[in-house]
């Protein structure tokens, strides 16, 4: 169950001024910046270190099509003239605009390790921001909060990113004593509406990042994410906690739905119950992964029980290898 107690779509509240922050927020911000700068900058070399570097929008020269090339860049005029499939390359934009949808709803307050999902979501935002906030690149965010969506305007450079992170760190945590709401209130509607709002008004082509736990069993966010991926490079960051994948055997466990306040007694001592839970959780995660592949989004999984910086480095390295292999012509081509 996820939160969706607002009827219809709502206009995000715009945070136009930097929020007044507490010393704890400033300490957290400095810790994030030091962790990213010291560790990621040493692991990933290059000028533009975005997780999905912008390919640009200006057409360059044409070349022969290779397996893995985007068919949307087919150069049909050259293909018809030469009878050989060709695609046109793109001139990379020197300024990349990144927008992040950061899920800070009540389900993100959960965590059974040293870090909660909420903290991990903000850390992922910081990593993406510090790796793309170079040479004038801009980053904005749409925070999905317990009180409604909040829009943080895109600002250039690292100082603009610090303002964005302060706003995210200052979002109040959800209260867990709300009355139980009707079961027809689905959080999938909230996430879907927030994804659709990321491109309103129409923004310049760039990088779009959706950071969420994707817990709703209703995959209503798939259609708006497909529309978003048609205009922007799209990265989905899935934030998970190990307790969401398997139940511990601790006897009768009182489970509280953070989004609705509903309480459920779960007999975790039953092996059948634990197996059914693990199977259902694995099936849902597989459905989420399949849906993200269908929309053409990159998929990065971060867990609260692993080193999220190392996971990001592995993802970026694997993406670069995959892109490089896709661009290399097959053996014997042109011989």
C-alpha atoms as a PDB file:
ATOM      1  CA  UNK A   1       0.000   0.000   0.000  1.00  0.00           C
ATOM      2  CA  UNK A   2       1.258   3.463  -0.827  1.00  0.00           C
ATOM      3  CA  UNK A   3      -0.071   6.958  -0.152  1.00  0.00           C
ATOM      4  CA  UNK A   4      -2.477   8.716  -2.481  1.00  0.00           C
ATOM      5  CA  UNK A   5      -4.953  10.740  -0.479  1.00  0.00           C
ATOM      6  CA  UNK A   6      -5.075  13.711  -2.800  1.00  0.00           C
ATOM      7  CA  UNK A   7      -7.894  13.632  -5.356  1.00  0.00           C
ATOM      8  CA  UNK A   8      -6.552  14.116  -8.845  1.00  0.00           C
ATOM      9  CA  UNK A   9      -3.339  15.807  -9.858  1.00  0.00           C
ATOM     10  CA  UNK A  10      -2.028  18.684  -7.778  1.00  0.00           C
ATOM     11  CA  UNK A  11       0.319  21.504  -8.679  1.00  0.00           C
ATOM     12  CA  UNK A  12       3.712  21.036  -7.025  1.00  0.00           C
ATOM     13  CA  UNK A  13       4.664  23.683  -4.481  1.00  0.00           C
ATOM     14  CA  UNK A  14       7.720  25.543  -5.753  1.00  0.00           C
ATOM     15  CA  UNK A  15      10.594  26.056  -3.339  1.00  0.00           C
ATOM     16  CA  UNK A  16      11.986  29.345  -4.654  1.00  0.00           C
ATOM     17  CA  UNK A  17      14.189  30.299  -1.685  1.00  0.00           C
ATOM     18  CA  UNK A  18      16.847  28.131  -0.010  1.00  0.00           C
ATOM     19  CA  UNK A  19      15.342  26.634   3.152  1.00  0.00           C
ATOM     20  CA  UNK A  20      16.718  27.488   6.570  1.00  0.00           C
ATOM     21  CA  UNK A  21      18.667  24.425   7.587  1.00  0.00           C
ATOM     22  CA  UNK A  22      19.718  22.980  10.916  1.00  0.00           C
ATOM     23  CA  UNK A  23      23.312  22.082  11.829  1.00  0.00           C
ATOM     24  CA  UNK A  24      22.475  18.389  11.374  1.00  0.00           C
ATOM     25  CA  UNK A  25      21.374  19.048   7.785  1.00  0.00           C
ATOM     26  CA  UNK A  26      24.602  20.911   7.063  1.00  0.00           C
ATOM     27  CA  UNK A  27      26.673  18.079   8.565  1.00  0.00           C
ATOM     28  CA  UNK A  28      24.812  15.523   6.443  1.00  0.00           C
ATOM     29  CA  UNK A  29      25.303  17.645   3.332  1.00  0.00           C
ATOM     30  CA  UNK A  30      29.052  17.978   3.939  1.00  0.00           C
ATOM     31  CA  UNK A  31      29.307  14.242   4.528  1.00  0.00           C
ATOM     32  CA  UNK A  32      27.559  13.453   1.254  1.00  0.00           C
ATOM     33  CA  UNK A  33      29.740  15.869  -0.686  1.00  0.00           C
ATOM     34  CA  UNK A  34      32.952  14.505   0.794  1.00  0.00           C
ATOM     35  CA  UNK A  35      31.899  10.892   0.169  1.00  0.00           C
ATOM     36  CA  UNK A  36      31.052  11.536  -3.470  1.00  0.00           C
ATOM     37  CA  UNK A  37      34.006  13.793  -4.268  1.00  0.00           C
ATOM     38  CA  UNK A  38      36.640  11.644  -2.588  1.00  0.00           C
ATOM     39  CA  UNK A  39      35.423   8.235  -3.668  1.00  0.00           C
ATOM     40  CA  UNK A  40      33.549   8.604  -6.958  1.00  0.00           C
ATOM     41  CA  UNK A  41      35.902  11.170  -8.473  1.00  0.00           C
ATOM     42  CA  UNK A  42      38.751   8.762  -7.802  1.00  0.00           C
ATOM     43  CA  UNK A  43      36.941   5.821  -9.356  1.00  0.00           C
ATOM     44  CA  UNK A  44      35.430   7.461 -12.420  1.00  0.00           C
ATOM     45  CA  UNK A  45      37.654   9.535 -14.655  1.00  0.00           C
ATOM     46  CA  UNK A  46      36.564  12.008 -17.288  1.00  0.00           C
ATOM     47  CA  UNK A  47      35.037  15.463 -17.605  1.00  0.00           C
ATOM     48  CA  UNK A  48      31.355  14.610 -17.903  1.00  0.00           C
ATOM     49  CA  UNK A  49      30.649  11.872 -15.366  1.00  0.00           C
ATOM     50  CA  UNK A  50      26.873  11.653 -15.666  1.00  0.00           C
ATOM     51  CA  UNK A  51      25.374   8.224 -15.102  1.00  0.00           C
ATOM     52  CA  UNK A  52      23.766   8.505 -18.539  1.00  0.00           C
ATOM     53  CA  UNK A  53      25.772  11.149 -20.433  1.00  0.00           C
ATOM     54  CA  UNK A  54      23.615  13.325 -22.687  1.00  0.00           C
ATOM     55  CA  UNK A  55      23.876  12.357 -26.328  1.00  0.00           C
ATOM     56  CA  UNK A  56      22.855  15.777 -27.591  1.00  0.00           C
ATOM     57  CA  UNK A  57      20.192  16.834 -30.057  1.00  0.00           C
ATOM     58  CA  UNK A  58      22.137  18.259 -33.002  1.00  0.00           C
ATOM     59  CA  UNK A  59      22.676  15.897 -35.950  1.00  0.00           C
ATOM     60  CA  UNK A  60      26.212  15.132 -37.029  1.00  0.00           C
ATOM     61  CA  UNK A  61      27.532  12.952 -39.886  1.00  0.00           C
ATOM     62  CA  UNK A  62      25.989   9.610 -40.793  1.00  0.00           C
ATOM     63  CA  UNK A  63      27.600   6.195 -40.396  1.00  0.00           C
ATOM     64  CA  UNK A  64      26.639   2.591 -40.961  1.00  0.00           C
ATOM     65  CA  UNK A  65      24.177   1.038 -38.530  1.00  0.00           C
ATOM     66  CA  UNK A  66      25.625  -1.382 -35.968  1.00  0.00           C
ATOM     67  CA  UNK A  67      23.737  -3.720 -33.671  1.00  0.00           C
ATOM     68  CA  UNK A  68      22.743  -1.787 -30.562  1.00  0.00           C
ATOM     69  CA  UNK A  69      22.320   1.602 -32.251  1.00  0.00           C
ATOM     70  CA  UNK A  70      19.115   3.529 -31.527  1.00  0.00           C
ATOM     71  CA  UNK A  71      16.765   2.901 -34.447  1.00  0.00           C
ATOM     72  CA  UNK A  72      15.208   6.317 -33.831  1.00  0.00           C
ATOM     73  CA  UNK A  73      18.402   7.835 -35.285  1.00  0.00           C
ATOM     74  CA  UNK A  74      18.101   6.051 -38.626  1.00  0.00           C
ATOM     75  CA  UNK A  75      19.161   8.256 -41.530  1.00  0.00           C
ATOM     76  CA  UNK A  76      16.616   7.130 -44.099  1.00  0.00           C
ATOM     77  CA  UNK A  77      17.884   9.393 -46.888  1.00  0.00           C
ATOM     78  CA  UNK A  78      21.402   7.930 -46.780  1.00  0.00           C
ATOM     79  CA  UNK A  79      19.995   4.428 -46.254  1.00  0.00           C
ATOM     80  CA  UNK A  80      17.858   4.722 -49.410  1.00  0.00           C
ATOM     81  CA  UNK A  81      20.746   6.138 -51.435  1.00  0.00           C
ATOM     82  CA  UNK A  82      23.298   3.513 -50.406  1.00  0.00           C
ATOM     83  CA  UNK A  83      20.924   0.570 -49.721  1.00  0.00           C
ATOM     84  CA  UNK A  84      22.912   0.068 -46.493  1.00  0.00           C
ATOM     85  CA  UNK A  85      21.342   1.011 -43.113  1.00  0.00           C
ATOM     86  CA  UNK A  86      22.823   4.232 -41.738  1.00  0.00           C
ATOM     87  CA  UNK A  87      22.278   6.244 -38.553  1.00  0.00           C
ATOM     88  CA  UNK A  88      23.240   9.835 -37.829  1.00  0.00           C
ATOM     89  CA  UNK A  89      25.459  10.649 -34.858  1.00  0.00           C
ATOM     90  CA  UNK A  90      24.561  13.461 -32.493  1.00  0.00           C
ATOM     91  CA  UNK A  91      26.640  16.397 -31.339  1.00  0.00           C
ATOM     92  CA  UNK A  92      26.825  16.214 -27.552  1.00  0.00           C
ATOM     93  CA  UNK A  93      25.252  19.135 -25.714  1.00  0.00           C
ATOM     94  CA  UNK A  94      27.793  21.051 -23.655  1.00  0.00           C
ATOM     95  CA  UNK A  95      25.206  21.795 -20.995  1.00  0.00           C
ATOM     96  CA  UNK A  96      23.184  18.963 -19.512  1.00  0.00           C
ATOM     97  CA  UNK A  97      19.958  19.594 -17.622  1.00  0.00           C
ATOM     98  CA  UNK A  98      19.051  16.891 -15.122  1.00  0.00           C
ATOM     99  CA  UNK A  99      15.713  16.484 -13.356  1.00  0.00           C
ATOM    100  CA  UNK A 100      15.239  14.020 -10.512  1.00  0.00           C
ATOM    101  CA  UNK A 101      11.996  12.726  -9.040  1.00  0.00           C
ATOM    102  CA  UNK A 102      12.857  11.825  -5.436  1.00  0.00           C
ATOM    103  CA  UNK A 103      10.315   9.696  -3.569  1.00  0.00           C
ATOM    104  CA  UNK A 104      10.266  10.851   0.077  1.00  0.00           C
ATOM    105  CA  UNK A 105       6.895   9.382   1.030  1.00  0.00           C
ATOM    106  CA  UNK A 106       6.288   7.411   4.201  1.00  0.00           C
ATOM    107  CA  UNK A 107       7.459   4.066   2.814  1.00  0.00           C
ATOM    108  CA  UNK A 108      10.932   5.588   2.412  1.00  0.00           C
ATOM    109  CA  UNK A 109      11.213   6.004   6.189  1.00  0.00           C
ATOM    110  CA  UNK A 110      11.818   2.245   6.445  1.00  0.00           C
ATOM    111  CA  UNK A 111      15.223   0.746   7.097  1.00  0.00           C
ATOM    112  CA  UNK A 112      16.636  -2.208   8.994  1.00  0.00           C
ATOM    113  CA  UNK A 113      20.348  -1.414   8.561  1.00  0.00           C
ATOM    114  CA  UNK A 114      22.485   1.629   9.339  1.00  0.00           C
ATOM    115  CA  UNK A 115      20.695   3.721   6.697  1.00  0.00           C
ATOM    116  CA  UNK A 116      17.040   4.238   5.800  1.00  0.00           C
ATOM    117  CA  UNK A 117      15.673   4.222   2.278  1.00  0.00           C
ATOM    118  CA  UNK A 118      14.960   7.956   2.544  1.00  0.00           C
ATOM    119  CA  UNK A 119      18.615   8.675   3.306  1.00  0.00           C
ATOM    120  CA  UNK A 120      19.728   6.384   0.500  1.00  0.00           C
ATOM    121  CA  UNK A 121      17.417   8.140  -1.991  1.00  0.00           C
ATOM    122  CA  UNK A 122      18.903  11.530  -1.089  1.00  0.00           C
ATOM    123  CA  UNK A 123      22.422  10.072  -1.249  1.00  0.00           C
ATOM    124  CA  UNK A 124      21.724   8.764  -4.759  1.00  0.00           C
ATOM    125  CA  UNK A 125      20.475  12.235  -5.744  1.00  0.00           C
ATOM    126  CA  UNK A 126      23.680  13.737  -4.380  1.00  0.00           C
ATOM    127  CA  UNK A 127      25.865  11.280  -6.311  1.00  0.00           C
ATOM    128  CA  UNK A 128      24.049  11.950  -9.583  1.00  0.00           C
ATOM    129  CA  UNK A 129      24.156  15.685  -8.946  1.00  0.00           C
ATOM    130  CA  UNK A 130      27.831  15.945  -8.065  1.00  0.00           C
ATOM    131  CA  UNK A 131      28.739  13.832 -11.107  1.00  0.00           C
ATOM    132  CA  UNK A 132      26.709  15.994 -13.498  1.00  0.00           C
ATOM    133  CA  UNK A 133      27.025  19.464 -11.919  1.00  0.00           C
ATOM    134  CA  UNK A 134      30.048  20.426 -14.005  1.00  0.00           C
ATOM    135  CA  UNK A 135      30.718  23.060 -16.650  1.00  0.00           C
ATOM    136  CA  UNK A 136      27.437  24.839 -15.991  1.00  0.00           C
ATOM    137  CA  UNK A 137      25.155  21.793 -15.944  1.00  0.00           C
ATOM    138  CA  UNK A 138      21.837  22.370 -14.192  1.00  0.00           C
ATOM    139  CA  UNK A 139      19.848  20.093 -11.884  1.00  0.00           C
ATOM    140  CA  UNK A 140      16.338  20.379 -10.480  1.00  0.00           C
ATOM    141  CA  UNK A 141      14.126  18.029  -8.527  1.00  0.00           C
ATOM    142  CA  UNK A 142      10.525  17.123  -7.862  1.00  0.00           C
ATOM    143  CA  UNK A 143      10.224  15.760  -4.333  1.00  0.00           C
ATOM    144  CA  UNK A 144       7.259  13.476  -3.672  1.00  0.00           C
ATOM    145  CA  UNK A 145       6.590  14.188   0.011  1.00  0.00           C
ATOM    146  CA  UNK A 146       3.908  13.162   2.550  1.00  0.00           C
ATOM    147  CA  UNK A 147       2.286  16.608   2.178  1.00  0.00           C
ATOM    148  CA  UNK A 148       2.383  16.757  -1.613  1.00  0.00           C
ATOM    149  CA  UNK A 149       4.884  17.304  -4.434  1.00  0.00           C
ATOM    150  CA  UNK A 150       7.486  20.036  -4.029  1.00  0.00           C
ATOM    151  CA  UNK A 151       9.318  21.483  -7.031  1.00  0.00           C
ATOM    152  CA  UNK A 152      12.923  22.562  -6.585  1.00  0.00           C
ATOM    153  CA  UNK A 153      13.906  24.699  -9.623  1.00  0.00           C
ATOM    154  CA  UNK A 154      16.947  23.718 -11.665  1.00  0.00           C
ATOM    155  CA  UNK A 155      20.061  25.711 -10.826  1.00  0.00           C
ATOM    156  CA  UNK A 156      23.552  25.507 -12.325  1.00  0.00           C
ATOM    157  CA  UNK A 157      26.739  24.313 -10.692  1.00  0.00           C
ATOM    158  CA  UNK A 158      27.541  22.797  -7.357  1.00  0.00           C
ATOM    159  CA  UNK A 159      26.124  25.664  -5.340  1.00  0.00           C
ATOM    160  CA  UNK A 160      22.755  25.085  -7.006  1.00  0.00           C
ATOM    161  CA  UNK A 161      23.046  21.387  -6.195  1.00  0.00           C
ATOM    162  CA  UNK A 162      23.761  22.158  -2.539  1.00  0.00           C
ATOM    163  CA  UNK A 163      20.593  24.254  -2.419  1.00  0.00           C
ATOM    164  CA  UNK A 164      18.642  21.342  -3.900  1.00  0.00           C
ATOM    165  CA  UNK A 165      20.049  18.854  -1.387  1.00  0.00           C
ATOM    166  CA  UNK A 166      19.317  21.190   1.526  1.00  0.00           C
ATOM    167  CA  UNK A 167      15.698  21.325   0.395  1.00  0.00           C
ATOM    168  CA  UNK A 168      15.485  17.523   0.217  1.00  0.00           C
ATOM    169  CA  UNK A 169      17.157  17.051   3.603  1.00  0.00           C
ATOM    170  CA  UNK A 170      14.738  19.580   5.130  1.00  0.00           C
ATOM    171  CA  UNK A 171      11.575  17.760   4.011  1.00  0.00           C
ATOM    172  CA  UNK A 172       9.733  16.755   7.215  1.00  0.00           C
ATOM    173  CA  UNK A 173       9.501  13.050   7.902  1.00  0.00           C
ATOM    174  CA  UNK A 174       6.105  11.384   7.635  1.00  0.00           C
ATOM    175  CA  UNK A 175       3.960  10.939  10.720  1.00  0.00           C
ATOM    176  CA  UNK A 176       3.040   7.315  11.439  1.00  0.00           C
ATOM    177  CA  UNK A 177      -0.084   7.951  13.527  1.00  0.00           C
ATOM    178  CA  UNK A 178      -2.485   8.826  10.709  1.00  0.00           C
ATOM    179  CA  UNK A 179      -5.867   7.061  10.612  1.00  0.00           C
ATOM    180  CA  UNK A 180      -6.318   4.137   8.265  1.00  0.00           C
ATOM    181  CA  UNK A 181      -7.646   5.197   4.880  1.00  0.00           C
ATOM    182  CA  UNK A 182      -9.772   3.313   2.458  1.00  0.00           C
ATOM    183  CA  UNK A 183      -7.894   0.603   0.518  1.00  0.00           C
ATOM    184  CA  UNK A 184      -8.841   2.149  -2.837  1.00  0.00           C
ATOM    185  CA  UNK A 185      -6.270   4.893  -2.277  1.00  0.00           C
ATOM    186  CA  UNK A 186      -3.296   3.646  -4.272  1.00  0.00           C
ATOM    187  CA  UNK A 187       0.146   5.189  -4.235  1.00  0.00           C
ATOM    188  CA  UNK A 188       0.652   4.153  -7.824  1.00  0.00           C
ATOM    189  CA  UNK A 189      -1.479   7.147  -8.816  1.00  0.00           C
ATOM    190  CA  UNK A 190       0.835   9.513  -6.934  1.00  0.00           C
ATOM    191  CA  UNK A 191       4.004   8.134  -8.489  1.00  0.00           C
ATOM    192  CA  UNK A 192       2.476   8.079 -11.968  1.00  0.00           C
ATOM    193  CA  UNK A 193       1.244  11.671 -11.625  1.00  0.00           C
ATOM    194  CA  UNK A 194       4.647  12.797 -10.339  1.00  0.00           C
ATOM    195  CA  UNK A 195       6.447  11.148 -13.261  1.00  0.00           C
ATOM    196  CA  UNK A 196       4.072  12.853 -15.706  1.00  0.00           C
ATOM    197  CA  UNK A 197       4.695  16.194 -13.984  1.00  0.00           C
ATOM    198  CA  UNK A 198       8.446  15.924 -14.539  1.00  0.00           C
ATOM    199  CA  UNK A 199       8.050  17.136 -18.121  1.00  0.00           C
ATOM    200  CA  UNK A 200       5.479  19.860 -17.425  1.00  0.00           C
ATOM    201  CA  UNK A 201       6.124  22.435 -18.669  1.00  0.00           C
ATOM    202  CA  UNK A 202       8.003  20.900 -21.597  1.00  0.00           C
ATOM    203  CA  UNK A 203      11.666  20.902 -20.685  1.00  0.00           C
ATOM    204  CA  UNK A 204      14.745  20.778 -22.873  1.00  0.00           C
ATOM    205  CA  UNK A 205      16.037  17.309 -23.618  1.00  0.00           C
ATOM    206  CA  UNK A 206      18.335  16.015 -20.920  1.00  0.00           C
ATOM    207  CA  UNK A 207      18.608  13.421 -18.171  1.00  0.00           C
ATOM    208  CA  UNK A 208      15.576  12.368 -16.110  1.00  0.00           C
ATOM    209  CA  UNK A 209      16.073  10.292 -12.956  1.00  0.00           C
ATOM    210  CA  UNK A 210      13.295   8.593 -10.971  1.00  0.00           C
ATOM    211  CA  UNK A 211      14.367   7.508  -7.470  1.00  0.00           C
ATOM    212  CA  UNK A 212      11.788   5.360  -5.686  1.00  0.00           C
ATOM    213  CA  UNK A 213      11.192   1.983  -4.083  1.00  0.00           C
ATOM    214  CA  UNK A 214       8.537   1.175  -6.732  1.00  0.00           C
ATOM    215  CA  UNK A 215       6.475  -0.682  -4.151  1.00  0.00           C
ATOM    216  CA  UNK A 216       2.987  -0.307  -5.701  1.00  0.00           C
ATOM    217  CA  UNK A 217       1.783  -3.548  -7.224  1.00  0.00           C
ATOM    218  CA  UNK A 218      -0.118  -1.420  -9.732  1.00  0.00           C
ATOM    219  CA  UNK A 219       2.494  -0.433 -12.325  1.00  0.00           C
ATOM    220  CA  UNK A 220       0.538   2.663 -13.315  1.00  0.00           C
ATOM    221  CA  UNK A 221       3.778   4.637 -13.595  1.00  0.00           C
ATOM    222  CA  UNK A 222       4.865   2.655 -16.658  1.00  0.00           C
ATOM    223  CA  UNK A 223       2.952   4.725 -19.236  1.00  0.00           C
ATOM    224  CA  UNK A 224       4.165   8.176 -18.062  1.00  0.00           C
ATOM    225  CA  UNK A 225       7.711   6.832 -17.781  1.00  0.00           C
ATOM    226  CA  UNK A 226       7.524   5.621 -21.375  1.00  0.00           C
ATOM    227  CA  UNK A 227       6.462   9.105 -22.471  1.00  0.00           C
ATOM    228  CA  UNK A 228       9.303  10.603 -20.426  1.00  0.00           C
ATOM    229  CA  UNK A 229      11.843   8.219 -21.966  1.00  0.00           C
ATOM    230  CA  UNK A 230      10.738   9.286 -25.457  1.00  0.00           C
ATOM    231  CA  UNK A 231      12.103  12.786 -24.842  1.00  0.00           C
ATOM    232  CA  UNK A 232      14.844  12.297 -22.255  1.00  0.00           C
ATOM    233  CA  UNK A 233      17.461   9.805 -21.236  1.00  0.00           C
ATOM    234  CA  UNK A 234      15.808   8.039 -18.328  1.00  0.00           C
ATOM    235  CA  UNK A 235      17.395   6.379 -15.311  1.00  0.00           C
ATOM    236  CA  UNK A 236      15.356   4.564 -12.664  1.00  0.00           C
ATOM    237  CA  UNK A 237      17.027   4.135  -9.275  1.00  0.00           C
ATOM    238  CA  UNK A 238      15.292   1.426  -7.224  1.00  0.00           C
ATOM    239  CA  UNK A 239      15.879   1.758  -3.464  1.00  0.00           C
ATOM    240  CA  UNK A 240      15.427  -1.438  -1.451  1.00  0.00           C
ATOM    241  CA  UNK A 241      15.855  -2.772   2.069  1.00  0.00           C
ATOM    242  CA  UNK A 242      16.651  -6.484   2.619  1.00  0.00           C
ATOM    243  CA  UNK A 243      13.667  -6.907   4.971  1.00  0.00           C
ATOM    244  CA  UNK A 244      11.372  -6.077   2.043  1.00  0.00           C
ATOM    245  CA  UNK A 245      12.634  -9.129   0.178  1.00  0.00           C
ATOM    246  CA  UNK A 246      12.512 -11.765   2.930  1.00  0.00           C
ATOM    247  CA  UNK A 247      10.835 -12.034   6.334  1.00  0.00           C
ATOM    248  CA  UNK A 248      12.901 -12.981   9.397  1.00  0.00           C
ATOM    249  CA  UNK A 249      11.635 -15.800  11.613  1.00  0.00           C
ATOM    250  CA  UNK A 250      10.834 -13.774  14.732  1.00  0.00           C
ATOM    251  CA  UNK A 251       7.420 -15.165  15.707  1.00  0.00           C
ATOM    252  CA  UNK A 252       4.268 -13.051  15.570  1.00  0.00           C
ATOM    253  CA  UNK A 253       5.337  -9.770  13.988  1.00  0.00           C
ATOM    254  CA  UNK A 254       3.225  -6.597  14.061  1.00  0.00           C
ATOM    255  CA  UNK A 255       3.708  -4.881  10.705  1.00  0.00           C
ATOM    256  CA  UNK A 256       2.614  -1.247  10.254  1.00  0.00           C
ATOM    257  CA  UNK A 257       1.943   0.148   6.769  1.00  0.00           C
ATOM    258  CA  UNK A 258       3.840   3.432   6.847  1.00  0.00           C
ATOM    259  CA  UNK A 259       1.608   4.893   4.145  1.00  0.00           C
ATOM    260  CA  UNK A 260      -1.804   4.118   5.681  1.00  0.00           C
ATOM    261  CA  UNK A 261      -1.195   3.298   9.344  1.00  0.00           C
ATOM    262  CA  UNK A 262      -2.801  -0.137   8.944  1.00  0.00           C
ATOM    263  CA  UNK A 263      -1.498  -2.829  11.315  1.00  0.00           C
ATOM    264  CA  UNK A 264      -1.172  -6.479  10.331  1.00  0.00           C
ATOM    265  CA  UNK A 265      -0.084  -9.413  12.485  1.00  0.00           C
ATOM    266  CA  UNK A 266       2.228 -11.702  10.498  1.00  0.00           C
ATOM    267  CA  UNK A 267       3.154 -15.191  11.822  1.00  0.00           C
ATOM    268  CA  UNK A 268       6.760 -15.171  10.656  1.00  0.00           C
ATOM    269  CA  UNK A 269       7.475 -18.452  12.442  1.00  0.00           C
ATOM    270  CA  UNK A 270       5.563 -20.183   9.640  1.00  0.00           C
ATOM    271  CA  UNK A 271       7.949 -21.291   6.905  1.00  0.00           C
ATOM    272  CA  UNK A 272       5.065 -21.275   4.399  1.00  0.00           C
ATOM    273  CA  UNK A 273       4.303 -17.627   5.161  1.00  0.00           C
ATOM    274  CA  UNK A 274       7.965 -16.661   4.766  1.00  0.00           C
ATOM    275  CA  UNK A 275       8.262 -18.551   1.487  1.00  0.00           C
ATOM    276  CA  UNK A 276       5.075 -16.996   0.097  1.00  0.00           C
ATOM    277  CA  UNK A 277       6.313 -13.546   1.071  1.00  0.00           C
ATOM    278  CA  UNK A 278       9.737 -14.066  -0.516  1.00  0.00           C
ATOM    279  CA  UNK A 279       8.160 -15.435  -3.679  1.00  0.00           C
ATOM    280  CA  UNK A 280       5.718 -12.524  -3.962  1.00  0.00           C
ATOM    281  CA  UNK A 281       8.495  -9.984  -3.336  1.00  0.00           C
ATOM    282  CA  UNK A 282      10.743 -11.564  -5.975  1.00  0.00           C
ATOM    283  CA  UNK A 283       7.901 -11.649  -8.496  1.00  0.00           C
ATOM    284  CA  UNK A 284       7.125  -7.972  -7.925  1.00  0.00           C
ATOM    285  CA  UNK A 285      10.769  -6.952  -8.291  1.00  0.00           C
ATOM    286  CA  UNK A 286      10.928  -8.930 -11.548  1.00  0.00           C
ATOM    287  CA  UNK A 287       7.787  -7.156 -12.803  1.00  0.00           C
ATOM    288  CA  UNK A 288       9.327  -3.785 -11.974  1.00  0.00           C
ATOM    289  CA  UNK A 289      12.560  -4.668 -13.798  1.00  0.00           C
ATOM    290  CA  UNK A 290      10.607  -5.868 -16.847  1.00  0.00           C
ATOM    291  CA  UNK A 291       8.480  -2.714 -16.919  1.00  0.00           C
ATOM    292  CA  UNK A 292      11.596  -0.512 -16.758  1.00  0.00           C
ATOM    293  CA  UNK A 293      13.148  -2.437 -19.652  1.00  0.00           C
ATOM    294  CA  UNK A 294       9.949  -1.966 -21.655  1.00  0.00           C
ATOM    295  CA  UNK A 295      10.047   1.801 -21.244  1.00  0.00           C
ATOM    296  CA  UNK A 296      13.746   1.911 -22.173  1.00  0.00           C
ATOM    297  CA  UNK A 297      15.032   3.190 -18.813  1.00  0.00           C
ATOM    298  CA  UNK A 298      18.369   2.431 -17.248  1.00  0.00           C
ATOM    299  CA  UNK A 299      17.893   0.471 -14.031  1.00  0.00           C
ATOM    300  CA  UNK A 300      20.141   0.957 -11.005  1.00  0.00           C
ATOM    301  CA  UNK A 301      19.330  -0.994  -7.819  1.00  0.00           C
ATOM    302  CA  UNK A 302      20.625   0.388  -4.500  1.00  0.00           C
ATOM    303  CA  UNK A 303      20.208  -1.521  -1.228  1.00  0.00           C
ATOM    304  CA  UNK A 304      20.493  -0.238   2.309  1.00  0.00           C
ATOM    305  CA  UNK A 305      22.738  -3.182   3.245  1.00  0.00           C
ATOM    306  CA  UNK A 306      25.371  -2.583   0.573  1.00  0.00           C
ATOM    307  CA  UNK A 307      27.893   0.128  -0.329  1.00  0.00           C
ATOM    308  CA  UNK A 308      25.800   2.430  -2.548  1.00  0.00           C
ATOM    309  CA  UNK A 309      28.864   4.251  -3.883  1.00  0.00           C
ATOM    310  CA  UNK A 310      30.388   0.999  -5.119  1.00  0.00           C
ATOM    311  CA  UNK A 311      27.040   0.004  -6.676  1.00  0.00           C
ATOM    312  CA  UNK A 312      26.914   3.305  -8.590  1.00  0.00           C
ATOM    313  CA  UNK A 313      30.490   2.863  -9.822  1.00  0.00           C
ATOM    314  CA  UNK A 314      29.723  -0.660 -11.025  1.00  0.00           C
ATOM    315  CA  UNK A 315      26.619   0.542 -12.840  1.00  0.00           C
ATOM    316  CA  UNK A 316      28.434   3.397 -14.582  1.00  0.00           C
ATOM    317  CA  UNK A 317      31.337   1.146 -15.571  1.00  0.00           C
ATOM    318  CA  UNK A 318      29.016  -1.535 -16.949  1.00  0.00           C
ATOM    319  CA  UNK A 319      27.018   1.073 -18.878  1.00  0.00           C
ATOM    320  CA  UNK A 320      30.155   2.473 -20.480  1.00  0.00           C
ATOM    321  CA  UNK A 321      31.353  -0.994 -21.492  1.00  0.00           C
ATOM    322  CA  UNK A 322      27.932  -1.812 -22.963  1.00  0.00           C
ATOM    323  CA  UNK A 323      27.776   1.418 -24.944  1.00  0.00           C
ATOM    324  CA  UNK A 324      31.298   0.930 -26.215  1.00  0.00           C
ATOM    325  CA  UNK A 325      30.596  -2.643 -27.313  1.00  0.00           C
ATOM    326  CA  UNK A 326      27.405  -1.555 -29.083  1.00  0.00           C
ATOM    327  CA  UNK A 327      29.265   1.087 -31.079  1.00  0.00           C
ATOM    328  CA  UNK A 328      32.073  -1.231 -32.201  1.00  0.00           C
ATOM    329  CA  UNK A 329      31.517  -2.724 -35.638  1.00  0.00           C
ATOM    330  CA  UNK A 330      31.246  -6.513 -35.824  1.00  0.00           C
ATOM    331  CA  UNK A 331      34.342  -8.545 -36.591  1.00  0.00           C
ATOM    332  CA  UNK A 332      35.014  -8.549 -40.313  1.00  0.00           C
ATOM    333  CA  UNK A 333      32.811  -5.548 -41.047  1.00  0.00           C
ATOM    334  CA  UNK A 334      34.075  -3.463 -43.888  1.00  0.00           C
ATOM    335  CA  UNK A 335      36.589  -6.079 -44.947  1.00  0.00           C
END
